[in-house]
Structure formats: structure tokens, C-alpha cells
């Protein structure tokens, strides 16, 4: 019986966990499932400035703008912290197509056998 290793990259760790759970529940002869975070380092934003331009209509024909400047804190928006994840599944060769189909259905960006 030949084993097959399939890797897929997901946009978030939650999607990789969802795919791993669905594979574990629905497909038999799965030897191993592993999720690895692929996130990038997020730099500190303290000390940087944030600019906002505000348009203001003083009269119907004139427009003026104002610029607000504020210093950024260390609290970043959630989407800056989101990380991609890689799901690796080791299964029997007969189940490789089913595993790939589940990964693709749940949004795997790159699926390749190793």
C-alpha cells in the first residue's frame, strides 16, 4: 500500500482546521494530518503617524480639505494579524483524490503532492 503526502495552503488557520476536521471525519485511511502556521512578522506601529484627509464643503462651489494627524498605537486591526496556514495530509494513494477535493472545496490556494 503506497502512501501519499498532500500539502495545501489556506488563507487562514481556521480554514485549514475546518478542512482537517472534514477530512478526518469523512475519509478513511488517513495516516497523519498536520497544520503549520505560515504567518509573517508584524512590525510595531508605535511611533508612526496616521494621516486622514477630511473634505469640507464650505460653500456649494468651494471645497477645502483638512488633514488630521495622529500617532498610531500598538493596537493593530485584526486583519494585519491574520496568518496563512499549511495543511499536510498523509493518506493511502486511493484516497488522495478525495483529500485534494476537500482541500480545494474549502479554499486551498495551492495543492501539491509531495
Protein backbone atom coordinates (compact mmCIF):
# COMPACT_ATOMS: atom_id res chain seq x y z
CA UNK A 1 0.00 0.00 0.00
CA UNK A 2 1.56 3.28 -1.16
CA UNK A 3 1.26 6.43 0.96
CA UNK A 4 0.68 9.87 -0.49
CA UNK A 5 1.52 13.26 1.07
CA UNK A 6 -0.59 16.26 0.02
CA UNK A 7 0.07 19.86 1.03
CA UNK A 8 -2.30 22.78 0.66
CA UNK A 9 -2.02 26.43 1.68
CA UNK A 10 -5.06 28.15 3.22
CA UNK A 11 -5.78 31.84 3.75
CA UNK A 12 -6.30 31.35 7.49
CA UNK A 13 -5.62 28.81 10.19
CA UNK A 14 -9.37 28.43 10.75
CA UNK A 15 -9.93 27.23 7.16
CA UNK A 16 -7.08 24.74 7.50
CA UNK A 17 -8.61 23.40 10.73
CA UNK A 18 -12.02 23.13 9.06
CA UNK A 19 -10.52 21.15 6.17
CA UNK A 20 -8.58 18.90 8.57
CA UNK A 21 -11.74 18.14 10.55
CA UNK A 22 -13.76 17.38 7.45
CA UNK A 23 -11.03 15.10 6.09
CA UNK A 24 -10.70 13.30 9.43
CA UNK A 25 -14.48 12.72 9.69
CA UNK A 26 -15.29 11.79 6.09
CA UNK A 27 -12.28 9.97 4.67
CA UNK A 28 -10.91 6.66 5.95
CA UNK A 29 -7.25 5.53 5.95
CA UNK A 30 -5.80 8.92 6.86
CA UNK A 31 -2.36 8.34 8.40
CA UNK A 32 -1.48 11.86 9.54
CA UNK A 33 -2.83 15.42 9.49
CA UNK A 34 -0.67 18.40 10.39
CA UNK A 35 -1.33 22.16 10.35
CA UNK A 36 1.57 24.62 10.27
CA UNK A 37 1.22 28.41 10.58
CA UNK A 38 2.91 30.37 7.80
CA UNK A 39 2.36 33.87 9.20
CA UNK A 40 4.63 36.80 8.67
CA UNK A 41 6.06 39.04 11.37
CA UNK A 42 4.00 42.16 12.03
CA UNK A 43 6.10 45.26 12.74
CA UNK A 44 5.34 47.53 15.69
CA UNK A 45 3.34 50.58 14.64
CA UNK A 46 4.13 52.79 17.63
CA UNK A 47 5.97 55.95 16.66
CA UNK A 48 4.38 56.11 13.20
CA UNK A 49 1.83 58.71 12.16
CA UNK A 50 -1.60 58.12 10.67
CA UNK A 51 -2.97 60.72 8.22
CA UNK A 52 -6.63 61.29 7.40
CA UNK A 53 -7.88 63.82 4.86
CA UNK A 54 -11.29 65.28 5.51
CA UNK A 55 -13.13 67.06 2.69
CA UNK A 56 -15.27 70.00 3.76
CA UNK A 57 -17.80 71.87 1.62
CA UNK A 58 -17.67 75.48 2.78
CA UNK A 59 -19.97 76.75 0.05
CA UNK A 60 -21.65 74.99 -2.81
CA UNK A 61 -18.82 75.91 -5.21
CA UNK A 62 -15.74 75.69 -2.97
CA UNK A 63 -14.15 72.64 -1.43
CA UNK A 64 -11.45 72.65 1.21
CA UNK A 65 -9.65 69.78 2.82
CA UNK A 66 -8.19 69.32 6.25
CA UNK A 67 -5.58 66.81 7.31
CA UNK A 68 -5.73 65.14 10.69
CA UNK A 69 -2.52 63.63 12.01
CA UNK A 70 -2.45 61.19 14.89
CA UNK A 71 0.14 58.80 16.25
CA UNK A 72 -0.56 55.10 15.84
CA UNK A 73 -0.64 52.82 18.84
CA UNK A 74 0.41 49.18 19.09
CA UNK A 75 -3.18 48.02 18.66
CA UNK A 76 -3.44 46.91 15.03
CA UNK A 77 -6.51 45.93 13.04
CA UNK A 78 -7.29 42.21 13.21
CA UNK A 79 -6.63 41.52 9.53
CA UNK A 80 -2.96 42.54 9.96
CA UNK A 81 -2.55 39.62 12.37
CA UNK A 82 -4.20 37.00 10.14
CA UNK A 83 -1.84 34.27 9.06
CA UNK A 84 -1.89 31.69 6.34
CA UNK A 85 -1.57 28.03 7.23
CA UNK A 86 -0.36 24.90 5.50
CA UNK A 87 -2.25 21.62 5.85
CA UNK A 88 -0.31 18.41 5.24
CA UNK A 89 -2.20 15.12 4.94
CA UNK A 90 -0.63 11.68 4.60
CA UNK A 91 -3.08 9.11 3.25
CA UNK A 92 -3.35 5.99 1.13
CA UNK A 93 -2.93 6.58 -2.59
CA UNK A 94 -6.56 5.60 -3.26
CA UNK A 95 -7.82 8.46 -1.06
CA UNK A 96 -5.54 11.18 -2.42
CA UNK A 97 -8.11 12.47 -4.90
CA UNK A 98 -10.80 12.76 -2.20
CA UNK A 99 -8.42 14.61 0.13
CA UNK A 100 -7.46 17.05 -2.66
CA UNK A 101 -11.14 17.64 -3.47
CA UNK A 102 -11.97 18.51 0.15
CA UNK A 103 -8.99 20.86 0.40
CA UNK A 104 -9.94 22.57 -2.84
CA UNK A 105 -13.58 22.90 -1.81
CA UNK A 106 -12.55 24.69 1.39
CA UNK A 107 -10.31 27.20 -0.37
CA UNK A 108 -6.81 25.77 -0.52
CA UNK A 109 -4.76 28.11 -2.69
CA UNK A 110 -2.00 25.68 -3.64
CA UNK A 111 -2.42 21.93 -3.54
CA UNK A 112 0.51 19.76 -4.49
CA UNK A 113 1.56 16.21 -3.76
CA UNK A 114 4.97 15.77 -2.20
